[in-house]
N, C-alpha and C. Protein backbone atom coordinates (compact mmCIF):
# COMPACT_ATOMS: atom_id res chain seq x y z
N MET A 1 0.85 -1.20 0.00
CA MET A 1 0.00 0.00 0.00
C MET A 1 0.88 1.24 0.00
N MET A 2 0.71 2.05 -1.03
CA MET A 2 1.47 3.30 -1.13
C MET A 2 0.50 4.47 -1.07
N ILE A 3 0.47 5.15 0.07
CA ILE A 3 -0.43 6.29 0.22
C ILE A 3 0.30 7.57 -0.16
N LYS A 4 -0.26 8.25 -1.14
CA LYS A 4 0.36 9.48 -1.64
C LYS A 4 -0.46 10.73 -1.29
N ASN A 5 -1.75 10.55 -1.00
CA ASN A 5 -2.64 11.68 -0.74
C ASN A 5 -3.50 11.39 0.48
N ILE A 6 -3.81 12.43 1.25
CA ILE A 6 -4.63 12.26 2.44
C ILE A 6 -5.85 13.17 2.33
N ILE A 7 -7.03 12.57 2.53
CA ILE A 7 -8.30 13.26 2.32
C ILE A 7 -9.06 13.29 3.65
N PHE A 8 -9.48 14.46 4.04
CA PHE A 8 -10.20 14.64 5.30
C PHE A 8 -11.65 15.04 5.07
N ASP A 9 -12.55 14.41 5.79
CA ASP A 9 -13.87 14.98 6.02
C ASP A 9 -13.67 16.15 6.99
N PHE A 10 -14.62 17.07 7.06
CA PHE A 10 -14.44 18.24 7.93
C PHE A 10 -15.28 18.17 9.21
N GLY A 11 -16.61 18.11 9.08
CA GLY A 11 -17.47 18.11 10.26
C GLY A 11 -17.29 16.85 11.08
N GLY A 12 -16.95 17.02 12.36
CA GLY A 12 -16.72 15.87 13.23
C GLY A 12 -15.30 15.35 13.19
N VAL A 13 -14.53 15.82 12.20
CA VAL A 13 -13.11 15.41 12.09
C VAL A 13 -12.20 16.60 12.38
N LEU A 14 -12.46 17.71 11.69
CA LEU A 14 -11.64 18.91 11.90
C LEU A 14 -12.44 20.07 12.50
N MET A 15 -13.76 20.03 12.36
CA MET A 15 -14.61 21.11 12.89
C MET A 15 -15.67 20.54 13.82
N ASP A 16 -15.87 21.25 14.94
CA ASP A 16 -16.88 20.87 15.92
C ASP A 16 -18.15 21.67 15.63
N TRP A 17 -19.10 21.01 14.93
CA TRP A 17 -20.36 21.65 14.55
C TRP A 17 -21.52 20.91 15.19
N ASP A 18 -22.43 21.64 15.80
CA ASP A 18 -23.59 20.99 16.42
C ASP A 18 -24.69 22.05 16.60
N PRO A 19 -25.90 21.82 16.06
CA PRO A 19 -26.98 22.79 16.25
C PRO A 19 -27.30 23.08 17.72
N LYS A 20 -26.94 22.15 18.59
CA LYS A 20 -27.23 22.35 20.02
C LYS A 20 -26.48 23.54 20.59
N TYR A 21 -25.34 23.88 20.00
CA TYR A 21 -24.59 25.05 20.48
C TYR A 21 -25.39 26.34 20.34
N LEU A 22 -26.28 26.35 19.35
CA LEU A 22 -27.17 27.50 19.18
C LEU A 22 -28.43 27.35 20.02
N TYR A 23 -29.10 26.19 19.86
CA TYR A 23 -30.45 26.06 20.42
C TYR A 23 -30.49 25.83 21.92
N GLN A 24 -29.36 25.53 22.53
CA GLN A 24 -29.36 25.43 24.00
C GLN A 24 -29.63 26.80 24.64
N ASN A 25 -29.41 27.87 23.86
CA ASN A 25 -29.67 29.23 24.35
C ASN A 25 -31.02 29.78 23.89
N VAL A 26 -31.73 28.96 23.11
CA VAL A 26 -33.01 29.42 22.54
C VAL A 26 -34.19 28.83 23.33
N PHE A 27 -34.07 27.54 23.66
CA PHE A 27 -35.16 26.87 24.38
C PHE A 27 -34.90 26.86 25.88
N SER A 28 -36.00 26.86 26.64
CA SER A 28 -35.83 26.90 28.10
C SER A 28 -35.35 25.59 28.68
N THR A 29 -35.70 24.47 28.03
CA THR A 29 -35.27 23.17 28.56
C THR A 29 -34.61 22.34 27.47
N GLU A 30 -33.81 21.39 27.93
CA GLU A 30 -33.14 20.48 26.99
C GLU A 30 -34.15 19.63 26.24
N ASP A 31 -35.23 19.24 26.90
CA ASP A 31 -36.27 18.44 26.25
C ASP A 31 -36.90 19.20 25.08
N GLU A 32 -37.16 20.48 25.28
CA GLU A 32 -37.74 21.29 24.19
C GLU A 32 -36.77 21.40 23.02
N MET A 33 -35.51 21.62 23.33
CA MET A 33 -34.48 21.70 22.29
C MET A 33 -34.39 20.39 21.52
N ASN A 34 -34.34 19.27 22.25
CA ASN A 34 -34.22 17.97 21.60
C ASN A 34 -35.43 17.67 20.72
N TYR A 35 -36.62 18.05 21.20
CA TYR A 35 -37.83 17.83 20.40
C TYR A 35 -37.72 18.59 19.07
N PHE A 36 -37.29 19.83 19.14
CA PHE A 36 -37.17 20.66 17.94
C PHE A 36 -36.15 20.07 16.95
N LEU A 37 -35.00 19.64 17.45
CA LEU A 37 -33.93 19.15 16.57
C LEU A 37 -34.19 17.72 16.08
N GLU A 38 -34.97 16.96 16.82
CA GLU A 38 -35.25 15.58 16.42
C GLU A 38 -36.50 15.46 15.54
N ASN A 39 -37.38 16.48 15.61
CA ASN A 39 -38.65 16.36 14.90
C ASN A 39 -38.94 17.47 13.89
N ILE A 40 -38.23 18.57 14.00
CA ILE A 40 -38.54 19.71 13.11
C ILE A 40 -37.30 20.08 12.29
N ALA A 41 -36.35 20.77 12.86
CA ALA A 41 -35.11 21.12 12.14
C ALA A 41 -34.13 19.95 12.27
N THR A 42 -34.45 18.87 11.59
CA THR A 42 -33.70 17.61 11.74
C THR A 42 -32.42 17.61 10.90
N LEU A 43 -31.54 16.67 11.20
CA LEU A 43 -30.34 16.51 10.38
C LEU A 43 -30.70 16.08 8.96
N LYS A 44 -31.78 15.30 8.83
CA LYS A 44 -32.23 14.90 7.50
C LYS A 44 -32.63 16.11 6.67
N TRP A 45 -33.33 17.06 7.30
CA TRP A 45 -33.70 18.30 6.63
C TRP A 45 -32.44 19.09 6.25
N ASN A 46 -31.50 19.17 7.17
CA ASN A 46 -30.27 19.91 6.92
C ASN A 46 -29.43 19.28 5.80
N THR A 47 -29.53 17.96 5.68
CA THR A 47 -28.77 17.25 4.64
C THR A 47 -29.13 17.75 3.24
N GLU A 48 -30.37 18.16 3.06
CA GLU A 48 -30.77 18.66 1.74
C GLU A 48 -30.07 19.97 1.40
N GLN A 49 -29.71 20.75 2.42
CA GLN A 49 -28.92 21.95 2.18
C GLN A 49 -27.49 21.55 1.80
N ASP A 50 -26.99 20.49 2.42
CA ASP A 50 -25.66 19.97 2.05
C ASP A 50 -25.67 19.48 0.60
N ARG A 51 -26.86 19.08 0.13
CA ARG A 51 -26.98 18.59 -1.25
C ARG A 51 -27.18 19.74 -2.23
N GLY A 52 -27.42 20.95 -1.70
CA GLY A 52 -27.52 22.10 -2.60
C GLY A 52 -28.78 22.93 -2.49
N ARG A 53 -29.75 22.47 -1.68
CA ARG A 53 -30.96 23.27 -1.52
C ARG A 53 -30.62 24.59 -0.81
N SER A 54 -31.27 25.67 -1.23
CA SER A 54 -30.96 26.98 -0.64
C SER A 54 -31.55 27.10 0.76
N PHE A 55 -30.91 27.93 1.59
CA PHE A 55 -31.42 28.20 2.94
C PHE A 55 -32.82 28.79 2.88
N LYS A 56 -33.01 29.68 1.92
CA LYS A 56 -34.29 30.37 1.81
C LYS A 56 -35.42 29.36 1.59
N GLU A 57 -35.21 28.45 0.64
CA GLU A 57 -36.23 27.44 0.34
C GLU A 57 -36.43 26.51 1.54
N ALA A 58 -35.32 26.07 2.14
CA ALA A 58 -35.40 25.14 3.26
C ALA A 58 -36.15 25.75 4.44
N THR A 59 -35.87 27.02 4.71
CA THR A 59 -36.51 27.71 5.83
C THR A 59 -38.01 27.87 5.57
N GLN A 60 -38.35 28.24 4.35
CA GLN A 60 -39.77 28.43 4.01
C GLN A 60 -40.56 27.12 4.12
N ILE A 61 -39.93 26.03 3.68
CA ILE A 61 -40.60 24.72 3.76
C ILE A 61 -40.96 24.39 5.20
N LEU A 62 -40.00 24.55 6.10
CA LEU A 62 -40.25 24.22 7.51
C LEU A 62 -41.21 25.21 8.16
N GLN A 63 -41.07 26.48 7.83
CA GLN A 63 -41.96 27.48 8.45
C GLN A 63 -43.41 27.26 8.01
N ASN A 64 -43.61 26.79 6.79
CA ASN A 64 -44.96 26.48 6.32
C ASN A 64 -45.53 25.27 7.06
N GLN A 65 -44.65 24.31 7.35
CA GLN A 65 -45.09 23.10 8.06
C GLN A 65 -45.31 23.35 9.55
N TYR A 66 -44.44 24.17 10.12
CA TYR A 66 -44.47 24.39 11.57
C TYR A 66 -44.45 25.89 11.88
N PRO A 67 -45.56 26.58 11.56
CA PRO A 67 -45.57 28.04 11.76
C PRO A 67 -45.35 28.46 13.21
N GLU A 68 -45.71 27.57 14.13
CA GLU A 68 -45.54 27.92 15.56
C GLU A 68 -44.07 27.98 15.96
N PHE A 69 -43.19 27.40 15.11
CA PHE A 69 -41.74 27.45 15.36
C PHE A 69 -41.02 28.35 14.35
N SER A 70 -41.76 29.25 13.74
CA SER A 70 -41.20 30.06 12.65
C SER A 70 -39.93 30.81 13.05
N GLU A 71 -39.93 31.42 14.22
CA GLU A 71 -38.76 32.20 14.66
C GLU A 71 -37.56 31.30 14.92
N GLU A 72 -37.81 30.18 15.56
CA GLU A 72 -36.71 29.25 15.87
C GLU A 72 -36.11 28.65 14.59
N ILE A 73 -36.97 28.37 13.63
CA ILE A 73 -36.49 27.83 12.35
C ILE A 73 -35.61 28.86 11.64
N ALA A 74 -36.03 30.11 11.66
CA ALA A 74 -35.26 31.17 10.99
C ALA A 74 -33.85 31.30 11.56
N LEU A 75 -33.71 31.00 12.85
CA LEU A 75 -32.40 31.13 13.49
C LEU A 75 -31.38 30.12 12.96
N TYR A 76 -31.88 28.99 12.42
CA TYR A 76 -30.97 27.92 12.00
C TYR A 76 -29.91 28.45 11.04
N TYR A 77 -30.30 29.34 10.16
CA TYR A 77 -29.32 29.87 9.22
C TYR A 77 -28.89 31.30 9.53
N SER A 78 -29.79 32.09 10.10
CA SER A 78 -29.35 33.46 10.42
C SER A 78 -28.29 33.46 11.53
N GLN A 79 -28.35 32.45 12.39
CA GLN A 79 -27.37 32.34 13.49
C GLN A 79 -26.46 31.12 13.32
N TRP A 80 -26.35 30.62 12.10
CA TRP A 80 -25.60 29.39 11.85
C TRP A 80 -24.18 29.38 12.43
N PRO A 81 -23.42 30.47 12.36
CA PRO A 81 -22.05 30.42 12.89
C PRO A 81 -21.97 30.02 14.36
N VAL A 82 -23.05 30.25 15.13
CA VAL A 82 -23.02 29.86 16.54
C VAL A 82 -22.91 28.33 16.68
N MET A 83 -23.41 27.60 15.67
CA MET A 83 -23.34 26.14 15.71
C MET A 83 -21.91 25.64 15.49
N LEU A 84 -21.08 26.48 14.94
CA LEU A 84 -19.70 26.10 14.63
C LEU A 84 -18.82 26.50 15.81
N LYS A 85 -18.65 25.55 16.72
CA LYS A 85 -17.94 25.88 17.96
C LYS A 85 -16.48 26.20 17.71
N GLY A 86 -15.88 25.52 16.73
CA GLY A 86 -14.47 25.78 16.44
C GLY A 86 -13.77 24.55 15.90
N GLU A 87 -12.48 24.68 15.72
CA GLU A 87 -11.72 23.56 15.17
C GLU A 87 -11.44 22.51 16.25
N ILE A 88 -11.30 21.27 15.81
CA ILE A 88 -10.90 20.18 16.71
C ILE A 88 -9.37 20.20 16.71
N GLU A 89 -8.82 20.82 17.75
CA GLU A 89 -7.42 21.26 17.72
C GLU A 89 -6.41 20.14 17.49
N ASN A 90 -6.59 19.00 18.17
CA ASN A 90 -5.59 17.94 18.01
C ASN A 90 -5.56 17.40 16.59
N HIS A 91 -6.69 17.41 15.91
CA HIS A 91 -6.72 16.93 14.52
C HIS A 91 -6.21 17.99 13.55
N VAL A 92 -6.50 19.25 13.84
CA VAL A 92 -5.97 20.32 12.98
C VAL A 92 -4.45 20.37 13.08
N LYS A 93 -3.90 20.10 14.25
CA LYS A 93 -2.43 20.05 14.40
C LYS A 93 -1.84 18.96 13.51
N ILE A 94 -2.56 17.86 13.37
CA ILE A 94 -2.10 16.78 12.49
C ILE A 94 -2.07 17.26 11.04
N VAL A 95 -3.11 17.98 10.64
CA VAL A 95 -3.14 18.55 9.28
C VAL A 95 -1.93 19.46 9.08
N GLN A 96 -1.64 20.27 10.07
CA GLN A 96 -0.50 21.20 9.97
C GLN A 96 0.82 20.44 9.87
N THR A 97 0.91 19.31 10.56
CA THR A 97 2.12 18.48 10.51
C THR A 97 2.27 17.81 9.14
N LEU A 98 1.14 17.36 8.59
CA LEU A 98 1.17 16.65 7.30
C LEU A 98 1.40 17.60 6.13
N TYR A 99 1.07 18.88 6.32
CA TYR A 99 1.19 19.87 5.25
C TYR A 99 2.63 19.94 4.75
N GLY A 100 2.78 19.82 3.44
CA GLY A 100 4.12 19.84 2.85
C GLY A 100 4.71 18.46 2.67
N ARG A 101 4.19 17.48 3.43
CA ARG A 101 4.65 16.10 3.27
C ARG A 101 3.80 15.33 2.27
N TYR A 102 2.50 15.64 2.27
CA TYR A 102 1.56 14.96 1.37
C TYR A 102 0.58 15.99 0.82
N PRO A 103 0.09 15.77 -0.39
CA PRO A 103 -1.04 16.58 -0.85
C PRO A 103 -2.25 16.29 0.05
N LEU A 104 -2.94 17.34 0.47
CA LEU A 104 -4.08 17.21 1.37
C LEU A 104 -5.35 17.69 0.66
N TYR A 105 -6.43 16.93 0.85
CA TYR A 105 -7.69 17.27 0.20
C TYR A 105 -8.83 17.18 1.20
N GLY A 106 -9.90 17.92 0.93
CA GLY A 106 -11.11 17.86 1.74
C GLY A 106 -12.27 17.33 0.93
N LEU A 107 -13.07 16.47 1.54
CA LEU A 107 -14.29 15.95 0.91
C LEU A 107 -15.40 16.06 1.95
N THR A 108 -16.26 17.06 1.80
CA THR A 108 -17.18 17.40 2.88
C THR A 108 -18.62 17.53 2.43
N ASN A 109 -19.53 17.01 3.26
CA ASN A 109 -20.96 17.31 3.10
C ASN A 109 -21.21 18.63 3.83
N TRP A 110 -21.37 19.69 3.07
CA TRP A 110 -21.46 21.03 3.67
C TRP A 110 -22.21 21.93 2.69
N SER A 111 -23.04 22.78 3.21
CA SER A 111 -23.79 23.70 2.35
C SER A 111 -22.85 24.68 1.65
N ALA A 112 -23.15 24.95 0.39
CA ALA A 112 -22.36 25.93 -0.36
C ALA A 112 -22.51 27.34 0.22
N GLU A 113 -23.59 27.57 0.98
CA GLU A 113 -23.82 28.90 1.53
C GLU A 113 -23.11 29.14 2.85
N THR A 114 -22.78 28.09 3.58
CA THR A 114 -22.09 28.29 4.85
C THR A 114 -20.62 27.92 4.83
N PHE A 115 -20.19 27.09 3.87
CA PHE A 115 -18.78 26.72 3.85
C PHE A 115 -17.85 27.93 3.71
N PRO A 116 -18.20 28.93 2.89
CA PRO A 116 -17.30 30.10 2.78
C PRO A 116 -17.01 30.76 4.12
N TYR A 117 -17.99 30.78 5.03
CA TYR A 117 -17.76 31.36 6.36
C TYR A 117 -16.65 30.59 7.08
N ALA A 118 -16.75 29.27 7.07
CA ALA A 118 -15.73 28.45 7.74
C ALA A 118 -14.37 28.65 7.07
N TYR A 119 -14.37 28.66 5.75
CA TYR A 119 -13.11 28.77 5.01
C TYR A 119 -12.39 30.08 5.33
N GLU A 120 -13.16 31.15 5.45
CA GLU A 120 -12.56 32.46 5.71
C GLU A 120 -12.14 32.65 7.17
N ASN A 121 -12.78 31.91 8.07
CA ASN A 121 -12.52 32.14 9.50
C ASN A 121 -11.57 31.14 10.14
N TYR A 122 -11.21 30.08 9.42
CA TYR A 122 -10.30 29.08 9.97
C TYR A 122 -9.16 28.86 8.97
N ASN A 123 -7.98 29.31 9.35
CA ASN A 123 -6.86 29.37 8.40
C ASN A 123 -6.39 28.01 7.90
N PHE A 124 -6.62 26.96 8.68
CA PHE A 124 -6.08 25.65 8.27
C PHE A 124 -6.69 25.17 6.95
N PHE A 125 -7.87 25.67 6.59
CA PHE A 125 -8.46 25.26 5.31
C PHE A 125 -7.57 25.64 4.13
N LYS A 126 -6.74 26.68 4.32
CA LYS A 126 -5.86 27.13 3.22
C LYS A 126 -4.72 26.13 2.96
N LEU A 127 -4.56 25.16 3.88
CA LEU A 127 -3.48 24.17 3.71
C LEU A 127 -3.86 23.08 2.71
N PHE A 128 -5.13 23.03 2.33
CA PHE A 128 -5.59 21.95 1.45
C PHE A 128 -5.30 22.27 -0.02
N ASP A 129 -4.87 21.24 -0.73
CA ASP A 129 -4.60 21.38 -2.16
C ASP A 129 -5.88 21.43 -2.98
N GLY A 130 -6.95 20.91 -2.41
CA GLY A 130 -8.24 20.93 -3.09
C GLY A 130 -9.34 20.52 -2.13
N ILE A 131 -10.53 21.08 -2.32
CA ILE A 131 -11.67 20.77 -1.46
C ILE A 131 -12.90 20.59 -2.34
N VAL A 132 -13.61 19.48 -2.12
CA VAL A 132 -14.88 19.24 -2.80
C VAL A 132 -16.00 19.38 -1.78
N VAL A 133 -16.90 20.33 -2.03
CA VAL A 133 -18.01 20.64 -1.12
C VAL A 133 -19.31 20.15 -1.75
N SER A 134 -20.02 19.30 -1.03
CA SER A 134 -21.22 18.67 -1.59
C SER A 134 -22.24 19.69 -2.09
N GLY A 135 -22.44 20.77 -1.33
CA GLY A 135 -23.44 21.76 -1.72
C GLY A 135 -23.14 22.44 -3.04
N GLU A 136 -21.86 22.49 -3.40
CA GLU A 136 -21.47 23.08 -4.69
C GLU A 136 -21.63 22.09 -5.83
N GLU A 137 -21.61 20.79 -5.49
CA GLU A 137 -21.66 19.75 -6.52
C GLU A 137 -23.06 19.17 -6.72
N GLY A 138 -23.94 19.37 -5.73
CA GLY A 138 -25.29 18.81 -5.82
C GLY A 138 -25.35 17.33 -5.54
N VAL A 139 -24.37 16.82 -4.82
CA VAL A 139 -24.34 15.39 -4.49
C VAL A 139 -23.61 15.24 -3.15
N ILE A 140 -24.07 14.30 -2.31
CA ILE A 140 -23.49 14.14 -0.99
C ILE A 140 -22.92 12.74 -0.79
N LYS A 141 -21.93 12.65 0.10
CA LYS A 141 -21.49 11.34 0.56
C LYS A 141 -22.67 10.65 1.26
N PRO A 142 -22.87 9.35 1.12
CA PRO A 142 -21.95 8.37 0.54
C PRO A 142 -22.15 8.07 -0.95
N ASP A 143 -22.80 8.93 -1.70
CA ASP A 143 -22.96 8.70 -3.14
C ASP A 143 -21.58 8.63 -3.80
N GLU A 144 -21.36 7.58 -4.55
CA GLU A 144 -20.03 7.37 -5.15
C GLU A 144 -19.61 8.51 -6.08
N HIS A 145 -20.58 9.23 -6.61
CA HIS A 145 -20.25 10.28 -7.58
C HIS A 145 -19.40 11.40 -6.97
N ILE A 146 -19.62 11.71 -5.68
CA ILE A 146 -18.83 12.80 -5.10
C ILE A 146 -17.38 12.38 -4.90
N TYR A 147 -17.16 11.10 -4.64
CA TYR A 147 -15.77 10.60 -4.53
C TYR A 147 -15.10 10.66 -5.90
N LYS A 148 -15.87 10.32 -6.92
CA LYS A 148 -15.30 10.33 -8.28
C LYS A 148 -15.01 11.76 -8.75
N ILE A 149 -15.83 12.72 -8.31
CA ILE A 149 -15.55 14.12 -8.63
C ILE A 149 -14.18 14.50 -8.07
N LEU A 150 -13.93 14.12 -6.81
CA LEU A 150 -12.64 14.42 -6.19
C LEU A 150 -11.49 13.77 -6.97
N LEU A 151 -11.63 12.49 -7.28
CA LEU A 151 -10.56 11.77 -7.97
C LEU A 151 -10.26 12.38 -9.34
N GLU A 152 -11.32 12.68 -10.07
CA GLU A 152 -11.13 13.18 -11.44
C GLU A 152 -10.62 14.62 -11.44
N ARG A 153 -11.16 15.44 -10.55
CA ARG A 153 -10.78 16.85 -10.54
C ARG A 153 -9.30 17.03 -10.22
N TYR A 154 -8.78 16.20 -9.31
CA TYR A 154 -7.40 16.37 -8.87
C TYR A 154 -6.48 15.25 -9.36
N ASN A 155 -7.00 14.45 -10.30
CA ASN A 155 -6.21 13.41 -10.95
C ASN A 155 -5.58 12.45 -9.92
N LEU A 156 -6.44 11.92 -9.06
CA LEU A 156 -6.00 11.03 -7.99
C LEU A 156 -6.40 9.59 -8.29
N ASN A 157 -5.62 8.66 -7.72
CA ASN A 157 -5.93 7.24 -7.79
C ASN A 157 -6.41 6.83 -6.40
N ALA A 158 -7.62 6.27 -6.30
CA ALA A 158 -8.21 5.95 -4.99
C ALA A 158 -7.30 5.07 -4.15
N SER A 159 -6.63 4.12 -4.77
CA SER A 159 -5.78 3.18 -4.02
C SER A 159 -4.55 3.86 -3.42
N GLU A 160 -4.26 5.08 -3.87
CA GLU A 160 -3.13 5.85 -3.33
C GLU A 160 -3.59 6.93 -2.35
N CYS A 161 -4.89 6.89 -2.00
CA CYS A 161 -5.45 7.91 -1.12
C CYS A 161 -5.88 7.30 0.21
N LEU A 162 -5.69 8.06 1.27
CA LEU A 162 -6.23 7.71 2.59
C LEU A 162 -7.38 8.67 2.87
N PHE A 163 -8.55 8.12 3.18
CA PHE A 163 -9.75 8.91 3.45
C PHE A 163 -10.13 8.77 4.92
N ILE A 164 -10.31 9.90 5.59
CA ILE A 164 -10.61 9.93 7.03
C ILE A 164 -11.98 10.57 7.23
N ASP A 165 -12.90 9.83 7.86
CA ASP A 165 -14.27 10.33 8.05
C ASP A 165 -14.83 9.71 9.33
N ASP A 166 -15.76 10.44 9.97
CA ASP A 166 -16.37 9.91 11.19
C ASP A 166 -17.67 9.16 10.92
N ASN A 167 -18.12 9.14 9.67
CA ASN A 167 -19.39 8.50 9.31
C ASN A 167 -19.11 7.16 8.63
N TYR A 168 -19.62 6.09 9.21
CA TYR A 168 -19.28 4.76 8.70
C TYR A 168 -19.82 4.52 7.28
N GLU A 169 -21.00 5.07 6.98
CA GLU A 169 -21.54 4.89 5.62
C GLU A 169 -20.61 5.52 4.59
N ASN A 170 -20.03 6.66 4.93
CA ASN A 170 -19.09 7.33 4.02
C ASN A 170 -17.82 6.51 3.86
N ILE A 171 -17.38 5.90 4.95
CA ILE A 171 -16.18 5.05 4.92
C ILE A 171 -16.43 3.82 4.03
N LYS A 172 -17.59 3.19 4.20
CA LYS A 172 -17.91 1.99 3.40
C LYS A 172 -17.91 2.32 1.91
N ALA A 173 -18.51 3.45 1.56
CA ALA A 173 -18.57 3.85 0.15
C ALA A 173 -17.17 4.07 -0.41
N ALA A 174 -16.30 4.67 0.40
CA ALA A 174 -14.92 4.90 -0.04
C ALA A 174 -14.17 3.59 -0.23
N GLN A 175 -14.41 2.63 0.67
CA GLN A 175 -13.72 1.34 0.56
C GLN A 175 -14.12 0.60 -0.71
N ILE A 176 -15.39 0.70 -1.08
CA ILE A 176 -15.86 0.05 -2.32
C ILE A 176 -15.12 0.60 -3.52
N LEU A 177 -14.75 1.88 -3.44
CA LEU A 177 -14.03 2.51 -4.55
C LEU A 177 -12.51 2.34 -4.44
N ASP A 178 -12.06 1.57 -3.42
CA ASP A 178 -10.65 1.22 -3.27
C ASP A 178 -9.81 2.26 -2.53
N PHE A 179 -10.46 3.18 -1.81
CA PHE A 179 -9.71 4.08 -0.94
C PHE A 179 -9.20 3.31 0.27
N ASN A 180 -8.06 3.72 0.79
CA ASN A 180 -7.65 3.32 2.14
C ASN A 180 -8.41 4.24 3.10
N THR A 181 -8.80 3.74 4.26
CA THR A 181 -9.67 4.54 5.13
C THR A 181 -9.28 4.45 6.60
N ILE A 182 -9.66 5.48 7.33
CA ILE A 182 -9.68 5.47 8.79
C ILE A 182 -11.05 5.95 9.21
N HIS A 183 -11.78 5.08 9.91
CA HIS A 183 -13.09 5.47 10.45
C HIS A 183 -12.85 6.08 11.82
N LEU A 184 -13.05 7.37 11.90
CA LEU A 184 -12.73 8.10 13.12
C LEU A 184 -13.89 8.05 14.10
N THR A 185 -13.77 7.20 15.11
CA THR A 185 -14.75 7.09 16.18
C THR A 185 -14.14 7.69 17.45
N PRO A 186 -14.93 7.89 18.50
CA PRO A 186 -14.36 8.45 19.74
C PRO A 186 -13.21 7.62 20.31
N SER A 187 -13.17 6.33 20.00
CA SER A 187 -12.11 5.47 20.56
C SER A 187 -10.87 5.40 19.66
N VAL A 188 -10.93 6.03 18.49
CA VAL A 188 -9.79 5.97 17.56
C VAL A 188 -8.90 7.18 17.77
N HIS A 189 -7.61 6.91 17.94
CA HIS A 189 -6.62 7.98 18.12
C HIS A 189 -5.97 8.23 16.77
N LEU A 190 -6.33 9.33 16.13
CA LEU A 190 -5.93 9.57 14.75
C LEU A 190 -4.41 9.60 14.58
N GLU A 191 -3.72 10.27 15.48
CA GLU A 191 -2.27 10.36 15.35
C GLU A 191 -1.63 8.97 15.38
N LYS A 192 -2.10 8.10 16.28
CA LYS A 192 -1.55 6.74 16.36
C LYS A 192 -1.85 5.94 15.10
N GLU A 193 -3.06 6.12 14.56
CA GLU A 193 -3.42 5.41 13.32
C GLU A 193 -2.52 5.83 12.16
N LEU A 194 -2.22 7.11 12.09
CA LEU A 194 -1.35 7.60 11.02
C LEU A 194 0.09 7.13 11.23
N GLN A 195 0.50 7.00 12.47
CA GLN A 195 1.84 6.49 12.76
C GLN A 195 1.96 5.02 12.35
N LYS A 196 0.89 4.26 12.58
CA LYS A 196 0.88 2.84 12.16
C LYS A 196 1.07 2.70 10.66
N LEU A 197 0.55 3.68 9.92
CA LEU A 197 0.67 3.67 8.47
C LEU A 197 1.96 4.35 7.98
N HIS A 198 2.79 4.74 8.95
CA HIS A 198 4.08 5.42 8.66
C HIS A 198 3.88 6.73 7.89
N LEU A 199 2.77 7.40 8.22
CA LEU A 199 2.49 8.69 7.58
C LEU A 199 2.90 9.86 8.47
N LEU A 200 3.13 9.57 9.75
CA LEU A 200 3.61 10.57 10.71
C LEU A 200 4.87 10.05 11.39
């Protein structure tokens, strides 16, 4: 196995993003917040924005369905940066260490409307040789097409790439396409895994 390129997912790997960081200050109780995020402004709903749906359309759809939560729904995007707590420092340090040793790429399910905010506010994104954002492409992981966009755009061979993601479905899809992978779970120590592969 010859790994020449390293590909990172962003949310949950390099960035700490969670709607609860916003809504814990909006609802009076945790139960109310959980009800809203599990039944109204769900991750499934948000995924469609990662696929390319506009915030305006997404917000209107939910407000029409749940007018009693109209104000809370509007906050999802007007206050979106509050959900982005910050970088996951120990993993970003690894990116900084790898920079210059290997070409680095990003493959992220992220809205085209909010990714620019993260890119401009967190300098480590500038270390990447290329980034594929699902919202710009109209396709999300684990659809094989977004992996192929990355490979073709940057002239990469999957068998020479290491893909790091915290979502198992995304990892499985990458493995089918012959990527080397690290499934980043809470029990996985990324630095040690990279050392095992002689990449650090």
